[in-house]
Amino acid sequence: MKINNRFDLIKKIGKGSFGNVYLSKDTETEKEVAIKMESQKSDKQRLGNEITIYNILGVNKIAPKMIWYGTYYTYNVLVMEKMGLSLEKIFNNLNKCFSKKTIYLLTIELLEILDFLHNHGIVHRDIKPANFVINPKNGRLSI
């Protein structure tokens, strides 16, 4: 399936409370991207709020870059740069064990992210390891 005549869906890589996340390929740049899709028929349409938040934050080190958003048939769609593994997946890959140093460093980064969000009038409201990922550009946490 090709979205917006540009983005080829490769496989489903996640499911959230509002919809699905897909690994995709941007045929213009040949880079992998992530696509979030939610049904317009859903009672809980949250993708528009996420797009608004990314627009408020702009390009920064804690959020993925938005590439395109719009509609595809009966879906709201957000295409963004592909990020790395979530904290949940990393934790599970390490037999559910982080060193104390890792915990301290992650705590500092998480607090920096929350402080940044709060300084921009944003409350996260869904803080859990699955919702924080590693940014492959700088190796730091991202939302």
N, C-alpha and C. Protein backbone atom coordinates (compact mmCIF):
# COMPACT_ATOMS: atom_id res chain seq x y z
N MET A 1 0.84 -1.17 0.00
CA MET A 1 0.00 0.00 0.00
C MET A 1 0.90 1.24 0.00
N LYS A 2 0.54 2.24 -0.79
CA LYS A 2 1.31 3.47 -0.87
C LYS A 2 0.43 4.63 -0.41
N ILE A 3 0.95 5.40 0.53
CA ILE A 3 0.22 6.53 1.07
C ILE A 3 0.76 7.82 0.46
N ASN A 4 -0.16 8.67 0.03
CA ASN A 4 0.19 9.97 -0.55
C ASN A 4 1.11 9.81 -1.77
N ASN A 5 1.00 8.68 -2.47
CA ASN A 5 1.84 8.38 -3.63
C ASN A 5 3.33 8.49 -3.33
N ARG A 6 3.70 8.29 -2.07
CA ARG A 6 5.09 8.49 -1.68
C ARG A 6 5.60 7.48 -0.65
N PHE A 7 4.75 7.04 0.26
CA PHE A 7 5.19 6.23 1.39
C PHE A 7 4.67 4.81 1.28
N ASP A 8 5.60 3.85 1.14
CA ASP A 8 5.25 2.44 1.05
C ASP A 8 5.22 1.82 2.44
N LEU A 9 4.09 1.21 2.81
CA LEU A 9 4.02 0.50 4.09
C LEU A 9 4.80 -0.80 3.97
N ILE A 10 5.66 -1.06 4.95
CA ILE A 10 6.46 -2.29 4.94
C ILE A 10 5.86 -3.31 5.91
N LYS A 11 5.71 -2.89 7.18
CA LYS A 11 5.12 -3.81 8.16
C LYS A 11 4.66 -3.02 9.38
N LYS A 12 3.73 -3.61 10.08
CA LYS A 12 3.23 -3.04 11.33
C LYS A 12 4.29 -3.25 12.41
N ILE A 13 4.63 -2.17 13.13
CA ILE A 13 5.65 -2.29 14.18
C ILE A 13 5.12 -1.91 15.55
N GLY A 14 3.88 -1.45 15.62
CA GLY A 14 3.35 -1.10 16.92
C GLY A 14 1.87 -0.82 16.88
N LYS A 15 1.28 -0.82 18.06
CA LYS A 15 -0.13 -0.51 18.20
C LYS A 15 -0.29 0.33 19.44
N GLY A 16 -0.97 1.44 19.29
CA GLY A 16 -1.24 2.30 20.43
C GLY A 16 -2.72 2.33 20.72
N SER A 17 -3.10 3.19 21.64
CA SER A 17 -4.50 3.28 22.03
C SER A 17 -5.35 3.88 20.92
N PHE A 18 -4.72 4.58 19.98
CA PHE A 18 -5.48 5.27 18.93
C PHE A 18 -5.36 4.62 17.56
N GLY A 19 -4.35 3.81 17.35
CA GLY A 19 -4.17 3.24 16.03
C GLY A 19 -2.90 2.43 15.93
N ASN A 20 -2.42 2.28 14.71
CA ASN A 20 -1.24 1.45 14.45
C ASN A 20 -0.07 2.29 13.96
N VAL A 21 1.12 1.74 14.17
CA VAL A 21 2.35 2.35 13.69
C VAL A 21 3.00 1.38 12.72
N TYR A 22 3.45 1.92 11.59
CA TYR A 22 4.04 1.09 10.53
C TYR A 22 5.44 1.56 10.18
N LEU A 23 6.30 0.60 9.92
CA LEU A 23 7.58 0.88 9.30
C LEU A 23 7.29 1.09 7.83
N SER A 24 7.81 2.16 7.26
CA SER A 24 7.52 2.49 5.87
C SER A 24 8.77 3.02 5.20
N LYS A 25 8.67 3.19 3.89
CA LYS A 25 9.79 3.72 3.12
C LYS A 25 9.32 4.95 2.36
N ASP A 26 10.08 6.03 2.49
CA ASP A 26 9.82 7.25 1.74
C ASP A 26 10.46 7.05 0.36
N THR A 27 9.65 6.95 -0.68
CA THR A 27 10.18 6.66 -2.01
C THR A 27 10.92 7.85 -2.62
N GLU A 28 10.75 9.05 -2.04
CA GLU A 28 11.50 10.21 -2.54
C GLU A 28 12.92 10.23 -2.00
N THR A 29 13.09 9.85 -0.73
CA THR A 29 14.41 9.91 -0.10
C THR A 29 15.05 8.54 0.07
N GLU A 30 14.25 7.47 -0.14
CA GLU A 30 14.69 6.08 0.06
C GLU A 30 14.99 5.78 1.53
N LYS A 31 14.54 6.62 2.46
CA LYS A 31 14.78 6.40 3.90
C LYS A 31 13.58 5.72 4.53
N GLU A 32 13.86 4.97 5.60
CA GLU A 32 12.78 4.40 6.38
C GLU A 32 12.14 5.50 7.23
N VAL A 33 10.82 5.43 7.36
CA VAL A 33 10.06 6.37 8.17
C VAL A 33 9.05 5.56 9.00
N ALA A 34 8.45 6.23 9.97
CA ALA A 34 7.37 5.62 10.75
C ALA A 34 6.07 6.33 10.39
N ILE A 35 5.00 5.56 10.28
CA ILE A 35 3.70 6.13 9.97
C ILE A 35 2.71 5.72 11.05
N LYS A 36 2.06 6.72 11.64
CA LYS A 36 0.98 6.47 12.58
C LYS A 36 -0.33 6.69 11.84
N MET A 37 -1.23 5.74 12.02
CA MET A 37 -2.54 5.84 11.36
C MET A 37 -3.63 5.59 12.38
N GLU A 38 -4.65 6.46 12.37
CA GLU A 38 -5.82 6.25 13.22
C GLU A 38 -7.08 6.37 12.37
N SER A 39 -8.06 5.57 12.70
CA SER A 39 -9.32 5.61 11.98
C SER A 39 -10.07 6.90 12.29
N GLN A 40 -10.62 7.52 11.25
CA GLN A 40 -11.43 8.71 11.46
C GLN A 40 -12.76 8.35 12.10
N LYS A 41 -13.09 7.07 12.14
CA LYS A 41 -14.33 6.61 12.74
C LYS A 41 -14.19 6.38 14.24
N SER A 42 -12.96 6.41 14.75
CA SER A 42 -12.70 6.14 16.16
C SER A 42 -13.24 7.26 17.04
N ASP A 43 -13.74 6.88 18.21
CA ASP A 43 -14.20 7.87 19.18
C ASP A 43 -13.01 8.63 19.78
N LYS A 44 -11.86 8.00 19.79
CA LYS A 44 -10.67 8.59 20.41
C LYS A 44 -9.68 9.01 19.35
N GLN A 45 -9.91 10.12 18.71
CA GLN A 45 -8.97 10.63 17.72
C GLN A 45 -7.94 11.50 18.42
N ARG A 46 -6.71 11.02 18.46
CA ARG A 46 -5.64 11.70 19.20
C ARG A 46 -4.51 12.18 18.31
N LEU A 47 -4.47 11.73 17.09
CA LEU A 47 -3.35 12.06 16.21
C LEU A 47 -3.28 13.57 15.95
N GLY A 48 -4.42 14.22 15.82
CA GLY A 48 -4.43 15.67 15.63
C GLY A 48 -3.77 16.41 16.78
N ASN A 49 -4.00 15.94 18.01
CA ASN A 49 -3.35 16.55 19.17
C ASN A 49 -1.84 16.35 19.13
N GLU A 50 -1.43 15.17 18.72
CA GLU A 50 0.01 14.88 18.62
C GLU A 50 0.67 15.80 17.59
N ILE A 51 0.02 15.99 16.47
CA ILE A 51 0.55 16.88 15.43
C ILE A 51 0.64 18.31 15.96
N THR A 52 -0.38 18.75 16.69
CA THR A 52 -0.36 20.09 17.28
C THR A 52 0.82 20.25 18.23
N ILE A 53 1.06 19.23 19.04
CA ILE A 53 2.17 19.27 19.99
C ILE A 53 3.51 19.33 19.25
N TYR A 54 3.68 18.51 18.21
CA TYR A 54 4.92 18.55 17.44
C TYR A 54 5.12 19.92 16.79
N ASN A 55 4.03 20.54 16.34
CA ASN A 55 4.14 21.89 15.76
C ASN A 55 4.55 22.91 16.82
N ILE A 56 4.04 22.77 18.04
CA ILE A 56 4.43 23.67 19.12
C ILE A 56 5.91 23.51 19.45
N LEU A 57 6.35 22.24 19.51
CA LEU A 57 7.74 21.97 19.86
C LEU A 57 8.70 22.33 18.74
N GLY A 58 8.23 22.25 17.49
CA GLY A 58 9.12 22.52 16.37
C GLY A 58 10.20 21.46 16.29
N VAL A 59 11.18 21.72 15.48
CA VAL A 59 12.30 20.78 15.35
C VAL A 59 13.19 20.94 16.57
N ASN A 60 13.32 19.88 17.35
CA ASN A 60 14.16 19.91 18.54
C ASN A 60 14.70 18.51 18.79
N LYS A 61 15.45 18.38 19.83
CA LYS A 61 16.12 17.11 20.07
C LYS A 61 15.25 16.06 20.75
N ILE A 62 14.03 16.42 21.18
CA ILE A 62 13.24 15.44 21.93
C ILE A 62 12.04 14.88 21.17
N ALA A 63 11.81 15.32 19.97
CA ALA A 63 10.66 14.83 19.20
C ALA A 63 11.10 14.48 17.78
N PRO A 64 10.47 13.48 17.20
CA PRO A 64 10.81 13.15 15.81
C PRO A 64 10.35 14.24 14.86
N LYS A 65 11.02 14.32 13.75
CA LYS A 65 10.65 15.30 12.72
C LYS A 65 9.42 14.80 11.97
N MET A 66 8.43 15.67 11.83
CA MET A 66 7.25 15.33 11.03
C MET A 66 7.60 15.52 9.56
N ILE A 67 7.20 14.58 8.72
CA ILE A 67 7.47 14.65 7.29
C ILE A 67 6.21 15.00 6.51
N TRP A 68 5.09 14.40 6.91
CA TRP A 68 3.82 14.68 6.24
C TRP A 68 2.68 14.25 7.14
N TYR A 69 1.59 14.97 7.08
CA TYR A 69 0.38 14.49 7.74
C TYR A 69 -0.82 14.89 6.90
N GLY A 70 -1.84 14.05 6.99
CA GLY A 70 -3.05 14.29 6.21
C GLY A 70 -3.98 13.11 6.35
N THR A 71 -4.81 12.89 5.35
CA THR A 71 -5.75 11.78 5.40
C THR A 71 -5.47 10.82 4.24
N TYR A 72 -5.79 9.57 4.49
CA TYR A 72 -5.70 8.52 3.49
C TYR A 72 -6.95 7.67 3.66
N TYR A 73 -7.83 7.76 2.69
CA TYR A 73 -9.14 7.12 2.77
C TYR A 73 -9.81 7.51 4.08
N THR A 74 -10.04 6.57 5.00
CA THR A 74 -10.73 6.89 6.26
C THR A 74 -9.77 6.97 7.44
N TYR A 75 -8.51 7.29 7.16
CA TYR A 75 -7.50 7.35 8.22
C TYR A 75 -6.86 8.73 8.30
N ASN A 76 -6.57 9.15 9.53
CA ASN A 76 -5.68 10.28 9.76
C ASN A 76 -4.28 9.69 9.80
N VAL A 77 -3.33 10.37 9.17
CA VAL A 77 -1.99 9.80 8.99
C VAL A 77 -0.92 10.81 9.39
N LEU A 78 0.08 10.34 10.13
CA LEU A 78 1.25 11.15 10.46
C LEU A 78 2.49 10.36 10.05
N VAL A 79 3.29 10.95 9.17
CA VAL A 79 4.56 10.34 8.75
C VAL A 79 5.68 11.11 9.44
N MET A 80 6.57 10.39 10.10
CA MET A 80 7.67 11.04 10.82
C MET A 80 8.95 10.22 10.68
N GLU A 81 10.05 10.86 11.06
CA GLU A 81 11.32 10.14 10.99
C GLU A 81 11.26 8.93 11.90
N LYS A 82 11.92 7.88 11.49
CA LYS A 82 11.95 6.65 12.27
C LYS A 82 12.94 6.82 13.42
N MET A 83 12.47 6.47 14.59
CA MET A 83 13.33 6.54 15.77
C MET A 83 13.83 5.15 16.11
N GLY A 84 14.63 5.06 17.16
CA GLY A 84 15.18 3.78 17.58
C GLY A 84 14.25 3.02 18.49
N LEU A 85 14.80 2.09 19.22
CA LEU A 85 14.02 1.24 20.11
C LEU A 85 13.45 2.03 21.29
N SER A 86 12.34 1.55 21.81
CA SER A 86 11.75 2.15 23.01
C SER A 86 12.52 1.69 24.24
N LEU A 87 12.37 2.42 25.33
CA LEU A 87 13.00 2.01 26.59
C LEU A 87 12.48 0.63 27.01
N GLU A 88 11.22 0.38 26.75
CA GLU A 88 10.64 -0.92 27.10
C GLU A 88 11.35 -2.05 26.36
N LYS A 89 11.56 -1.89 25.06
CA LYS A 89 12.22 -2.94 24.28
C LYS A 89 13.68 -3.11 24.70
N ILE A 90 14.35 -2.00 24.96
CA ILE A 90 15.75 -2.09 25.41
C ILE A 90 15.83 -2.82 26.75
N PHE A 91 14.95 -2.44 27.68
CA PHE A 91 14.91 -3.07 29.00
C PHE A 91 14.67 -4.58 28.87
N ASN A 92 13.70 -4.96 28.04
CA ASN A 92 13.42 -6.38 27.84
C ASN A 92 14.58 -7.10 27.18
N ASN A 93 15.26 -6.45 26.23
CA ASN A 93 16.42 -7.05 25.56
C ASN A 93 17.59 -7.26 26.52
N LEU A 94 17.62 -6.48 27.61
CA LEU A 94 18.69 -6.60 28.60
C LEU A 94 18.23 -7.43 29.80
N ASN A 95 17.34 -8.37 29.55
CA ASN A 95 16.82 -9.26 30.60
C ASN A 95 16.24 -8.47 31.79
N LYS A 96 15.60 -7.36 31.46
CA LYS A 96 14.91 -6.52 32.44
C LYS A 96 15.84 -6.05 33.56
N CYS A 97 17.02 -5.59 33.13
CA CYS A 97 17.99 -5.13 34.12
C CYS A 97 18.80 -3.96 33.54
N PHE A 98 18.66 -2.79 34.16
CA PHE A 98 19.50 -1.63 33.86
C PHE A 98 20.46 -1.45 35.02
N SER A 99 21.67 -1.01 34.72
CA SER A 99 22.61 -0.69 35.79
C SER A 99 22.14 0.57 36.50
N LYS A 100 22.66 0.79 37.71
CA LYS A 100 22.30 2.01 38.45
C LYS A 100 22.69 3.25 37.66
N LYS A 101 23.85 3.22 37.03
CA LYS A 101 24.30 4.37 36.24
C LYS A 101 23.33 4.66 35.11
N THR A 102 22.89 3.61 34.41
CA THR A 102 21.92 3.79 33.32
C THR A 102 20.62 4.38 33.86
N ILE A 103 20.16 3.89 34.99
CA ILE A 103 18.93 4.41 35.59
C ILE A 103 19.09 5.88 35.93
N TYR A 104 20.22 6.26 36.48
CA TYR A 104 20.46 7.67 36.83
C TYR A 104 20.46 8.55 35.57
N LEU A 105 21.18 8.09 34.54
CA LEU A 105 21.26 8.87 33.30
C LEU A 105 19.90 8.98 32.61
N LEU A 106 19.15 7.89 32.58
CA LEU A 106 17.81 7.93 31.98
C LEU A 106 16.88 8.85 32.77
N THR A 107 16.99 8.81 34.08
CA THR A 107 16.16 9.68 34.92
C THR A 107 16.43 11.14 34.62
N ILE A 108 17.70 11.50 34.48
CA ILE A 108 18.05 12.89 34.15
C ILE A 108 17.46 13.28 32.80
N GLU A 109 17.61 12.41 31.80
CA GLU A 109 17.06 12.73 30.47
C GLU A 109 15.53 12.83 30.51
N LEU A 110 14.87 11.92 31.23
CA LEU A 110 13.42 11.97 31.33
C LEU A 110 12.96 13.27 31.99
N LEU A 111 13.64 13.66 33.04
CA LEU A 111 13.28 14.91 33.72
C LEU A 111 13.52 16.12 32.82
N GLU A 112 14.58 16.09 32.03
CA GLU A 112 14.84 17.18 31.08
C GLU A 112 13.73 17.27 30.04
N ILE A 113 13.28 16.11 29.55
CA ILE A 113 12.20 16.09 28.56
C ILE A 113 10.92 16.64 29.17
N LEU A 114 10.57 16.16 30.36
CA LEU A 114 9.34 16.63 31.02
C LEU A 114 9.41 18.12 31.33
N ASP A 115 10.56 18.59 31.74
CA ASP A 115 10.74 20.02 32.00
C ASP A 115 10.54 20.82 30.72
N PHE A 116 11.12 20.36 29.63
CA PHE A 116 10.97 21.03 28.34
C PHE A 116 9.50 21.08 27.93
N LEU A 117 8.81 19.95 28.04
CA LEU A 117 7.39 19.89 27.69
C LEU A 117 6.58 20.84 28.56
N HIS A 118 6.81 20.80 29.85
CA HIS A 118 6.04 21.64 30.77
C HIS A 118 6.32 23.12 30.53
N ASN A 119 7.54 23.46 30.17
CA ASN A 119 7.86 24.86 29.85
C ASN A 119 7.17 25.33 28.58
N HIS A 120 6.68 24.39 27.77
CA HIS A 120 5.93 24.72 26.56
C HIS A 120 4.43 24.48 26.73
N GLY A 121 4.01 24.33 27.99
CA GLY A 121 2.59 24.18 28.29
C GLY A 121 2.00 22.83 27.94
N ILE A 122 2.85 21.80 27.89
CA ILE A 122 2.40 20.47 27.49
C ILE A 122 2.56 19.50 28.66
N VAL A 123 1.50 18.74 28.94
CA VAL A 123 1.55 17.68 29.94
C VAL A 123 1.48 16.35 29.19
N HIS A 124 2.44 15.47 29.41
CA HIS A 124 2.55 14.23 28.64
C HIS A 124 1.36 13.30 28.84
N ARG A 125 0.99 12.98 30.04
CA ARG A 125 -0.19 12.18 30.41
C ARG A 125 -0.11 10.70 30.07
N ASP A 126 0.99 10.22 29.53
CA ASP A 126 1.11 8.78 29.25
C ASP A 126 2.57 8.37 29.36
N ILE A 127 3.11 8.60 30.55
CA ILE A 127 4.53 8.32 30.77
C ILE A 127 4.71 6.84 31.09
N LYS A 128 5.38 6.14 30.17
CA LYS A 128 5.72 4.74 30.35
C LYS A 128 6.88 4.42 29.42
N PRO A 129 7.64 3.38 29.72
CA PRO A 129 8.83 3.06 28.92
C PRO A 129 8.56 2.88 27.42
N ALA A 130 7.39 2.38 27.06
CA ALA A 130 7.08 2.17 25.65
C ALA A 130 6.95 3.48 24.87
N ASN A 131 6.73 4.60 25.57
CA ASN A 131 6.51 5.88 24.90
C ASN A 131 7.75 6.77 24.84
N PHE A 132 8.89 6.23 25.22
CA PHE A 132 10.15 6.96 25.09
C PHE A 132 11.10 6.11 24.26
N VAL A 133 11.70 6.71 23.25
CA VAL A 133 12.56 5.99 22.32
C VAL A 133 13.93 6.63 22.25
N ILE A 134 14.86 5.91 21.68
CA ILE A 134 16.19 6.44 21.48
C ILE A 134 16.23 7.13 20.11
N ASN A 135 16.73 8.35 20.09
CA ASN A 135 16.89 9.10 18.85
C ASN A 135 18.19 8.63 18.19
N PRO A 136 18.12 8.02 17.02
CA PRO A 136 19.34 7.50 16.40
C PRO A 136 20.34 8.58 15.99
N LYS A 137 19.89 9.83 15.90
CA LYS A 137 20.80 10.92 15.51
C LYS A 137 21.76 11.30 16.62
N ASN A 138 21.27 11.24 17.89
CA ASN A 138 22.12 11.71 18.98
C ASN A 138 22.21 10.73 20.15
N GLY A 139 21.51 9.59 20.07
CA GLY A 139 21.59 8.59 21.12
C GLY A 139 20.86 8.97 22.40
N ARG A 140 20.08 10.04 22.36
CA ARG A 140 19.36 10.48 23.56
C ARG A 140 17.90 10.07 23.48
N LEU A 141 17.23 10.21 24.60
CA LEU A 141 15.80 9.88 24.65
C LEU A 141 14.98 10.87 23.86
N SER A 142 13.87 10.39 23.35
CA SER A 142 12.93 11.22 22.61
C SER A 142 11.52 10.74 22.93
N ILE A 143 10.55 11.61 22.69
CA ILE A 143 9.16 11.20 22.91
C ILE A 143 8.57 10.62 21.63
